[in-house]
Amino acid sequence: MTQMIRKHVLLPLPLDERIKLVARQDKKSEAKVIRELLAAGLETKHQQSGSVGHALRQLAEIGKQAGATGLTDLSQNIDKYLYEDK
């Protein structure tokens, strides 16, 4: 069995009532319902945050699909583009 750590959490009354309702409906303990909901919420948060690199690659792919074009030598000539007069 997984090692458990005791936590003391204060919940607003409406949230407590919802947890009790779900526990009764699913025939589970309130503690088990809370653990499952926390695990699901943390997994969703992890999936939404992802990595910055992954998000940038997705953004680049969207731009490619939309036919967006841009400078191809920007990293080599950044000073030229930023500071030279046009």
PDB file of N, CA and C in Angstrom:
ATOM      1  N   MET A   1       0.836  -1.184   0.000  1.00  0.00           N
ATOM      2  CA  MET A   1       0.000   0.000   0.000  1.00  0.00           C
ATOM      3  C   MET A   1       0.881   1.247   0.000  1.00  0.00           C
ATOM      4  N   THR A   2       0.425   2.265  -0.683  1.00  0.00           N
ATOM      5  CA  THR A   2       1.151   3.521  -0.764  1.00  0.00           C
ATOM      6  C   THR A   2       1.185   4.200   0.596  1.00  0.00           C
ATOM      7  N   GLN A   3       2.325   4.779   0.923  1.00  0.00           N
ATOM      8  CA  GLN A   3       2.440   5.518   2.180  1.00  0.00           C
ATOM      9  C   GLN A   3       1.560   6.760   2.111  1.00  0.00           C
ATOM     10  N   MET A   4       0.809   7.008   3.155  1.00  0.00           N
ATOM     11  CA  MET A   4      -0.098   8.160   3.211  1.00  0.00           C
ATOM     12  C   MET A   4       0.455   9.202   4.170  1.00  0.00           C
ATOM     13  N   ILE A   5       0.243  10.456   3.825  1.00  0.00           N
ATOM     14  CA  ILE A   5       0.622  11.591   4.653  1.00  0.00           C
ATOM     15  C   ILE A   5      -0.666  12.306   5.056  1.00  0.00           C
ATOM     16  N   ARG A   6      -0.796  12.596   6.338  1.00  0.00           N
ATOM     17  CA  ARG A   6      -1.992  13.289   6.813  1.00  0.00           C
ATOM     18  C   ARG A   6      -1.859  14.778   6.553  1.00  0.00           C
ATOM     19  N   LYS A   7      -2.906  15.378   5.961  1.00  0.00           N
ATOM     20  CA  LYS A   7      -2.958  16.822   5.700  1.00  0.00           C
ATOM     21  C   LYS A   7      -4.237  17.370   6.323  1.00  0.00           C
ATOM     22  N   HIS A   8      -4.145  18.561   6.826  1.00  0.00           N
ATOM     23  CA  HIS A   8      -5.312  19.239   7.387  1.00  0.00           C
ATOM     24  C   HIS A   8      -5.681  20.352   6.414  1.00  0.00           C
ATOM     25  N   VAL A   9      -6.880  20.273   5.845  1.00  0.00           N
ATOM     26  CA  VAL A   9      -7.308  21.233   4.830  1.00  0.00           C
ATOM     27  C   VAL A   9      -8.661  21.798   5.237  1.00  0.00           C
ATOM     28  N   LEU A  10      -8.799  23.103   5.123  1.00  0.00           N
ATOM     29  CA  LEU A  10     -10.082  23.748   5.395  1.00  0.00           C
ATOM     30  C   LEU A  10     -10.830  23.913   4.075  1.00  0.00           C
ATOM     31  N   LEU A  11     -12.068  23.434   4.041  1.00  0.00           N
ATOM     32  CA  LEU A  11     -12.875  23.502   2.829  1.00  0.00           C
ATOM     33  C   LEU A  11     -14.104  24.369   3.063  1.00  0.00           C
ATOM     34  N   PRO A  12     -14.500  25.131   2.065  1.00  0.00           N
ATOM     35  CA  PRO A  12     -15.763  25.857   2.186  1.00  0.00           C
ATOM     36  C   PRO A  12     -16.916  24.843   2.262  1.00  0.00           C
ATOM     37  N   LEU A  13     -17.973  25.187   2.954  1.00  0.00           N
ATOM     38  CA  LEU A  13     -19.099  24.277   3.163  1.00  0.00           C
ATOM     39  C   LEU A  13     -19.665  23.732   1.848  1.00  0.00           C
ATOM     40  N   PRO A  14     -19.875  24.559   0.815  1.00  0.00           N
ATOM     41  CA  PRO A  14     -20.434  24.002  -0.435  1.00  0.00           C
ATOM     42  C   PRO A  14     -19.535  22.935  -1.065  1.00  0.00           C
ATOM     43  N   LEU A  15     -18.226  23.111  -0.968  1.00  0.00           N
ATOM     44  CA  LEU A  15     -17.303  22.124  -1.515  1.00  0.00           C
ATOM     45  C   LEU A  15     -17.365  20.834  -0.704  1.00  0.00           C
ATOM     46  N   ASP A  16     -17.443  20.957   0.598  1.00  0.00           N
ATOM     47  CA  ASP A  16     -17.565  19.787   1.467  1.00  0.00           C
ATOM     48  C   ASP A  16     -18.841  19.010   1.138  1.00  0.00           C
ATOM     49  N   GLU A  17     -19.925  19.725   0.915  1.00  0.00           N
ATOM     50  CA  GLU A  17     -21.194  19.067   0.583  1.00  0.00           C
ATOM     51  C   GLU A  17     -21.101  18.325  -0.748  1.00  0.00           C
ATOM     52  N   ARG A  18     -20.421  18.918  -1.712  1.00  0.00           N
ATOM     53  CA  ARG A  18     -20.260  18.264  -3.015  1.00  0.00           C
ATOM     54  C   ARG A  18     -19.415  17.002  -2.886  1.00  0.00           C
ATOM     55  N   ILE A  19     -18.376  17.062  -2.065  1.00  0.00           N
ATOM     56  CA  ILE A  19     -17.526  15.885  -1.851  1.00  0.00           C
ATOM     57  C   ILE A  19     -18.342  14.776  -1.191  1.00  0.00           C
ATOM     58  N   LYS A  20     -19.139  15.119  -0.204  1.00  0.00           N
ATOM     59  CA  LYS A  20     -19.976  14.125   0.473  1.00  0.00           C
ATOM     60  C   LYS A  20     -20.957  13.484  -0.507  1.00  0.00           C
ATOM     61  N   LEU A  21     -21.530  14.286  -1.379  1.00  0.00           N
ATOM     62  CA  LEU A  21     -22.489  13.786  -2.357  1.00  0.00           C
ATOM     63  C   LEU A  21     -21.817  12.793  -3.318  1.00  0.00           C
ATOM     64  N   VAL A  22     -20.658  13.162  -3.825  1.00  0.00           N
ATOM     65  CA  VAL A  22     -19.932  12.276  -4.737  1.00  0.00           C
ATOM     66  C   VAL A  22     -19.536  10.985  -4.019  1.00  0.00           C
ATOM     67  N   ALA A  23     -19.097  11.100  -2.791  1.00  0.00           N
ATOM     68  CA  ALA A  23     -18.707   9.918  -2.022  1.00  0.00           C
ATOM     69  C   ALA A  23     -19.895   8.966  -1.843  1.00  0.00           C
ATOM     70  N   ARG A  24     -21.056   9.514  -1.522  1.00  0.00           N
ATOM     71  CA  ARG A  24     -22.252   8.671  -1.373  1.00  0.00           C
ATOM     72  C   ARG A  24     -22.638   8.025  -2.702  1.00  0.00           C
ATOM     73  N   GLN A  25     -22.625   8.817  -3.774  1.00  0.00           N
ATOM     74  CA  GLN A  25     -23.015   8.294  -5.094  1.00  0.00           C
ATOM     75  C   GLN A  25     -22.073   7.187  -5.557  1.00  0.00           C
ATOM     76  N   ASP A  26     -20.783   7.379  -5.332  1.00  0.00           N
ATOM     77  CA  ASP A  26     -19.784   6.413  -5.800  1.00  0.00           C
ATOM     78  C   ASP A  26     -19.473   5.327  -4.775  1.00  0.00           C
ATOM     79  N   LYS A  27     -20.139   5.406  -3.613  1.00  0.00           N
ATOM     80  CA  LYS A  27     -19.901   4.447  -2.520  1.00  0.00           C
ATOM     81  C   LYS A  27     -18.406   4.365  -2.186  1.00  0.00           C
ATOM     82  N   LYS A  28     -17.807   5.537  -1.974  1.00  0.00           N
ATOM     83  CA  LYS A  28     -16.398   5.647  -1.615  1.00  0.00           C
ATOM     84  C   LYS A  28     -16.287   6.530  -0.377  1.00  0.00           C
ATOM     85  N   SER A  29     -15.156   6.449   0.274  1.00  0.00           N
ATOM     86  CA  SER A  29     -14.920   7.350   1.400  1.00  0.00           C
ATOM     87  C   SER A  29     -14.653   8.756   0.862  1.00  0.00           C
ATOM     88  N   GLU A  30     -14.905   9.747   1.698  1.00  0.00           N
ATOM     89  CA  GLU A  30     -14.621  11.123   1.299  1.00  0.00           C
ATOM     90  C   GLU A  30     -13.124  11.296   1.017  1.00  0.00           C
ATOM     91  N   ALA A  31     -12.293  10.654   1.818  1.00  0.00           N
ATOM     92  CA  ALA A  31     -10.844  10.758   1.632  1.00  0.00           C
ATOM     93  C   ALA A  31     -10.444  10.230   0.259  1.00  0.00           C
ATOM     94  N   LYS A  32     -11.033   9.102  -0.141  1.00  0.00           N
ATOM     95  CA  LYS A  32     -10.698   8.534  -1.448  1.00  0.00           C
ATOM     96  C   LYS A  32     -11.162   9.457  -2.570  1.00  0.00           C
ATOM     97  N   VAL A  33     -12.345  10.034  -2.439  1.00  0.00           N
ATOM     98  CA  VAL A  33     -12.850  10.973  -3.447  1.00  0.00           C
ATOM     99  C   VAL A  33     -11.907  12.168  -3.562  1.00  0.00           C
ATOM    100  N   ILE A  34     -11.491  12.707  -2.434  1.00  0.00           N
ATOM    101  CA  ILE A  34     -10.589  13.865  -2.442  1.00  0.00           C
ATOM    102  C   ILE A  34      -9.261  13.498  -3.097  1.00  0.00           C
ATOM    103  N   ARG A  35      -8.706  12.325  -2.757  1.00  0.00           N
ATOM    104  CA  ARG A  35      -7.440  11.891  -3.381  1.00  0.00           C
ATOM    105  C   ARG A  35      -7.586  11.755  -4.887  1.00  0.00           C
ATOM    106  N   GLU A  36      -8.672  11.146  -5.335  1.00  0.00           N
ATOM    107  CA  GLU A  36      -8.887  10.964  -6.775  1.00  0.00           C
ATOM    108  C   GLU A  36      -9.052  12.299  -7.490  1.00  0.00           C
ATOM    109  N   LEU A  37      -9.813  13.211  -6.884  1.00  0.00           N
ATOM    110  CA  LEU A  37     -10.008  14.519  -7.495  1.00  0.00           C
ATOM    111  C   LEU A  37      -8.715  15.323  -7.550  1.00  0.00           C
ATOM    112  N   LEU A  38      -7.916  15.245  -6.487  1.00  0.00           N
ATOM    113  CA  LEU A  38      -6.616  15.927  -6.490  1.00  0.00           C
ATOM    114  C   LEU A  38      -5.708  15.365  -7.572  1.00  0.00           C
ATOM    115  N   ALA A  39      -5.657  14.042  -7.685  1.00  0.00           N
ATOM    116  CA  ALA A  39      -4.806  13.415  -8.699  1.00  0.00           C
ATOM    117  C   ALA A  39      -5.253  13.819 -10.102  1.00  0.00           C
ATOM    118  N   ALA A  40      -6.557  13.807 -10.346  1.00  0.00           N
ATOM    119  CA  ALA A  40      -7.071  14.187 -11.670  1.00  0.00           C
ATOM    120  C   ALA A  40      -6.795  15.655 -11.958  1.00  0.00           C
ATOM    121  N   GLY A  41      -6.987  16.506 -10.972  1.00  0.00           N
ATOM    122  CA  GLY A  41      -6.734  17.937 -11.152  1.00  0.00           C
ATOM    123  C   GLY A  41      -5.270  18.227 -11.419  1.00  0.00           C
ATOM    124  N   LEU A  42      -4.378  17.550 -10.710  1.00  0.00           N
ATOM    125  CA  LEU A  42      -2.948  17.767 -10.918  1.00  0.00           C
ATOM    126  C   LEU A  42      -2.510  17.260 -12.288  1.00  0.00           C
ATOM    127  N   GLU A  43      -3.083  16.144 -12.725  1.00  0.00           N
ATOM    128  CA  GLU A  43      -2.747  15.616 -14.055  1.00  0.00           C
ATOM    129  C   GLU A  43      -3.211  16.587 -15.138  1.00  0.00           C
ATOM    130  N   THR A  44      -4.407  17.125 -14.989  1.00  0.00           N
ATOM    131  CA  THR A  44      -4.920  18.096 -15.957  1.00  0.00           C
ATOM    132  C   THR A  44      -4.042  19.332 -15.992  1.00  0.00           C
ATOM    133  N   LYS A  45      -3.649  19.814 -14.833  1.00  0.00           N
ATOM    134  CA  LYS A  45      -2.782  20.991 -14.760  1.00  0.00           C
ATOM    135  C   LYS A  45      -1.452  20.720 -15.444  1.00  0.00           C
ATOM    136  N   HIS A  46      -0.899  19.541 -15.223  1.00  0.00           N
ATOM    137  CA  HIS A  46       0.386  19.170 -15.840  1.00  0.00           C
ATOM    138  C   HIS A  46       0.246  19.130 -17.361  1.00  0.00           C
ATOM    139  N   GLN A  47      -0.838  18.565 -17.849  1.00  0.00           N
ATOM    140  CA  GLN A  47      -1.054  18.478 -19.298  1.00  0.00           C
ATOM    141  C   GLN A  47      -1.235  19.854 -19.909  1.00  0.00           C
ATOM    142  N   GLN A  48      -1.880  20.756 -19.205  1.00  0.00           N
ATOM    143  CA  GLN A  48      -2.116  22.102 -19.730  1.00  0.00           C
ATOM    144  C   GLN A  48      -0.843  22.921 -19.754  1.00  0.00           C
ATOM    145  N   SER A  49       0.009  22.738 -18.752  1.00  0.00           N
ATOM    146  CA  SER A  49       1.204  23.577 -18.688  1.00  0.00           C
ATOM    147  C   SER A  49       2.245  23.148 -19.707  1.00  0.00           C
ATOM    148  N   GLY A  50       2.526  21.847 -19.808  1.00  0.00           N
ATOM    149  CA  GLY A  50       3.497  21.354 -20.772  1.00  0.00           C
ATOM    150  C   GLY A  50       4.811  22.114 -20.707  1.00  0.00           C
ATOM    151  N   SER A  51       5.642  21.955 -21.708  1.00  0.00           N
ATOM    152  CA  SER A  51       6.909  22.665 -21.738  1.00  0.00           C
ATOM    153  C   SER A  51       6.812  23.856 -22.677  1.00  0.00           C
ATOM    154  N   VAL A  52       7.625  24.848 -22.419  1.00  0.00           N
ATOM    155  CA  VAL A  52       7.661  26.030 -23.273  1.00  0.00           C
ATOM    156  C   VAL A  52       8.132  25.636 -24.665  1.00  0.00           C
ATOM    157  N   GLY A  53       9.125  24.764 -24.732  1.00  0.00           N
ATOM    158  CA  GLY A  53       9.636  24.317 -26.028  1.00  0.00           C
ATOM    159  C   GLY A  53       8.559  23.646 -26.853  1.00  0.00           C
ATOM    160  N   HIS A  54       7.763  22.816 -26.205  1.00  0.00           N
ATOM    161  CA  HIS A  54       6.673  22.134 -26.908  1.00  0.00           C
ATOM    162  C   HIS A  54       5.658  23.152 -27.422  1.00  0.00           C
ATOM    163  N   ALA A  55       5.330  24.125 -26.601  1.00  0.00           N
ATOM    164  CA  ALA A  55       4.378  25.163 -27.016  1.00  0.00           C
ATOM    165  C   ALA A  55       4.911  25.960 -28.199  1.00  0.00           C
ATOM    166  N   LEU A  56       6.197  26.276 -28.185  1.00  0.00           N
ATOM    167  CA  LEU A  56       6.788  27.018 -29.304  1.00  0.00           C
ATOM    168  C   LEU A  56       6.784  26.193 -30.589  1.00  0.00           C
ATOM    169  N   ARG A  57       7.051  24.900 -30.465  1.00  0.00           N
ATOM    170  CA  ARG A  57       7.005  24.043 -31.652  1.00  0.00           C
ATOM    171  C   ARG A  57       5.590  23.964 -32.211  1.00  0.00           C
ATOM    172  N   GLN A  58       4.602  23.894 -31.336  1.00  0.00           N
ATOM    173  CA  GLN A  58       3.216  23.887 -31.789  1.00  0.00           C
ATOM    174  C   GLN A  58       2.866  25.198 -32.482  1.00  0.00           C
ATOM    175  N   LEU A  59       3.321  26.308 -31.929  1.00  0.00           N
ATOM    176  CA  LEU A  59       3.071  27.613 -32.521  1.00  0.00           C
ATOM    177  C   LEU A  59       3.726  27.706 -33.899  1.00  0.00           C
ATOM    178  N   ALA A  60       4.935  27.206 -34.023  1.00  0.00           N
ATOM    179  CA  ALA A  60       5.623  27.221 -35.315  1.00  0.00           C
ATOM    180  C   ALA A  60       4.872  26.365 -36.328  1.00  0.00           C
ATOM    181  N   GLU A  61       4.355  25.241 -35.894  1.00  0.00           N
ATOM    182  CA  GLU A  61       3.596  24.371 -36.794  1.00  0.00           C
ATOM    183  C   GLU A  61       2.305  25.051 -37.256  1.00  0.00           C
ATOM    184  N   ILE A  62       1.653  25.753 -36.362  1.00  0.00           N
ATOM    185  CA  ILE A  62       0.439  26.493 -36.730  1.00  0.00           C
ATOM    186  C   ILE A  62       0.780  27.555 -37.771  1.00  0.00           C
ATOM    187  N   GLY A  63       1.885  28.260 -37.551  1.00  0.00           N
ATOM    188  CA  GLY A  63       2.315  29.272 -38.518  1.00  0.00           C
ATOM    189  C   GLY A  63       2.632  28.664 -39.862  1.00  0.00           C
ATOM    190  N   LYS A  64       3.285  27.518 -39.844  1.00  0.00           N
ATOM    191  CA  LYS A  64       3.629  26.837 -41.094  1.00  0.00           C
ATOM    192  C   LYS A  64       2.361  26.433 -41.847  1.00  0.00           C
ATOM    193  N   GLN A  65       1.390  25.900 -41.140  1.00  0.00           N
ATOM    194  CA  GLN A  65       0.133  25.481 -41.758  1.00  0.00           C
ATOM    195  C   GLN A  65      -0.641  26.671 -42.308  1.00  0.00           C
ATOM    196  N   ALA A  66      -0.491  27.824 -41.661  1.00  0.00           N
ATOM    197  CA  ALA A  66      -1.199  29.033 -42.113  1.00  0.00           C
ATOM    198  C   ALA A  66      -0.454  29.736 -43.239  1.00  0.00           C
ATOM    199  N   GLY A  67       0.742  29.250 -43.575  1.00  0.00           N
ATOM    200  CA  GLY A  67       1.514  29.856 -44.651  1.00  0.00           C
ATOM    201  C   GLY A  67       2.276  31.095 -44.231  1.00  0.00           C
ATOM    202  N   ALA A  68       2.488  31.280 -42.939  1.00  0.00           N
ATOM    203  CA  ALA A  68       3.221  32.450 -42.458  1.00  0.00           C
ATOM    204  C   ALA A  68       4.691  32.335 -42.857  1.00  0.00           C
ATOM    205  N   THR A  69       5.264  33.447 -43.221  1.00  0.00           N
ATOM    206  CA  THR A  69       6.687  33.471 -43.566  1.00  0.00           C
ATOM    207  C   THR A  69       7.358  34.567 -42.757  1.00  0.00           C
ATOM    208  N   GLY A  70       8.646  34.503 -42.691  1.00  0.00           N
ATOM    209  CA  GLY A  70       9.384  35.512 -41.941  1.00  0.00           C
ATOM    210  C   GLY A  70      10.843  35.464 -42.318  1.00  0.00           C
ATOM    211  N   LEU A  71      11.629  36.217 -41.597  1.00  0.00           N
ATOM    212  CA  LEU A  71      13.061  36.260 -41.853  1.00  0.00           C
ATOM    213  C   LEU A  71      13.679  34.905 -41.529  1.00  0.00           C
ATOM    214  N   THR A  72      14.580  34.460 -42.394  1.00  0.00           N
ATOM    215  CA  THR A  72      15.212  33.163 -42.165  1.00  0.00           C
ATOM    216  C   THR A  72      16.594  33.295 -41.542  1.00  0.00           C
ATOM    217  N   ASP A  73      17.116  34.533 -41.483  1.00  0.00           N
ATOM    218  CA  ASP A  73      18.461  34.740 -40.930  1.00  0.00           C
ATOM    219  C   ASP A  73      18.433  35.640 -39.696  1.00  0.00           C
ATOM    220  N   LEU A  74      17.326  35.657 -39.009  1.00  0.00           N
ATOM    221  CA  LEU A  74      17.157  36.577 -37.890  1.00  0.00           C
ATOM    222  C   LEU A  74      18.203  36.363 -36.797  1.00  0.00           C
ATOM    223  N   SER A  75      18.470  35.122 -36.427  1.00  0.00           N
ATOM    224  CA  SER A  75      19.423  34.891 -35.334  1.00  0.00           C
ATOM    225  C   SER A  75      20.833  35.329 -35.714  1.00  0.00           C
ATOM    226  N   GLN A  76      21.178  35.260 -36.984  1.00  0.00           N
ATOM    227  CA  GLN A  76      22.513  35.672 -37.425  1.00  0.00           C
ATOM    228  C   GLN A  76      22.629  37.182 -37.580  1.00  0.00           C
ATOM    229  N   ASN A  77      21.524  37.849 -37.905  1.00  0.00           N
ATOM    230  CA  ASN A  77      21.567  39.281 -38.218  1.00  0.00           C
ATOM    231  C   ASN A  77      20.671  40.115 -37.309  1.00  0.00           C
ATOM    232  N   ILE A  78      20.516  39.697 -36.076  1.00  0.00           N
ATOM    233  CA  ILE A  78      19.615  40.396 -35.165  1.00  0.00           C
ATOM    234  C   ILE A  78      19.997  41.861 -34.983  1.00  0.00           C
ATOM    235  N   ASP A  79      21.274  42.151 -34.836  1.00  0.00           N
ATOM    236  CA  ASP A  79      21.696  43.553 -34.649  1.00  0.00           C
ATOM    237  C   ASP A  79      21.343  44.395 -35.867  1.00  0.00           C
ATOM    238  N   LYS A  80      21.529  43.837 -37.035  1.00  0.00           N
ATOM    239  CA  LYS A  80      21.205  44.544 -38.271  1.00  0.00           C
ATOM    240  C   LYS A  80      19.727  44.927 -38.300  1.00  0.00           C
ATOM    241  N   TYR A  81      18.875  43.951 -37.969  1.00  0.00           N
ATOM    242  CA  TYR A  81      17.437  44.222 -38.012  1.00  0.00           C
ATOM    243  C   TYR A  81      16.975  45.154 -36.902  1.00  0.00           C
ATOM    244  N   LEU A  82      17.641  45.118 -35.764  1.00  0.00           N
ATOM    245  CA  LEU A  82      17.217  45.965 -34.644  1.00  0.00           C
ATOM    246  C   LEU A  82      17.758  47.379 -34.705  1.00  0.00           C
ATOM    247  N   TYR A  83      19.009  47.553 -35.173  1.00  0.00           N
ATOM    248  CA  TYR A  83      19.667  48.846 -34.988  1.00  0.00           C
ATOM    249  C   TYR A  83      20.008  49.596 -36.261  1.00  0.00           C
ATOM    250  N   GLU A  84      20.064  48.946 -37.389  1.00  0.00           N
ATOM    251  CA  GLU A  84      20.408  49.673 -38.613  1.00  0.00           C
ATOM    252  C   GLU A  84      19.185  50.355 -39.180  1.00  0.00           C
ATOM    253  N   ASP A  85      19.420  51.526 -39.777  1.00  0.00           N
ATOM    254  CA  ASP A  85      18.346  52.251 -40.452  1.00  0.00           C
ATOM    255  C   ASP A  85      17.941  51.494 -41.692  1.00  0.00           C
ATOM    256  N   LYS A  86      16.691  51.592 -42.005  1.00  0.00           N
ATOM    257  CA  LYS A  86      16.185  50.899 -43.187  1.00  0.00           C
ATOM    258  C   LYS A  86      16.174  51.820 -44.374  1.00  0.00           C
TER     259      LYS A  86
END
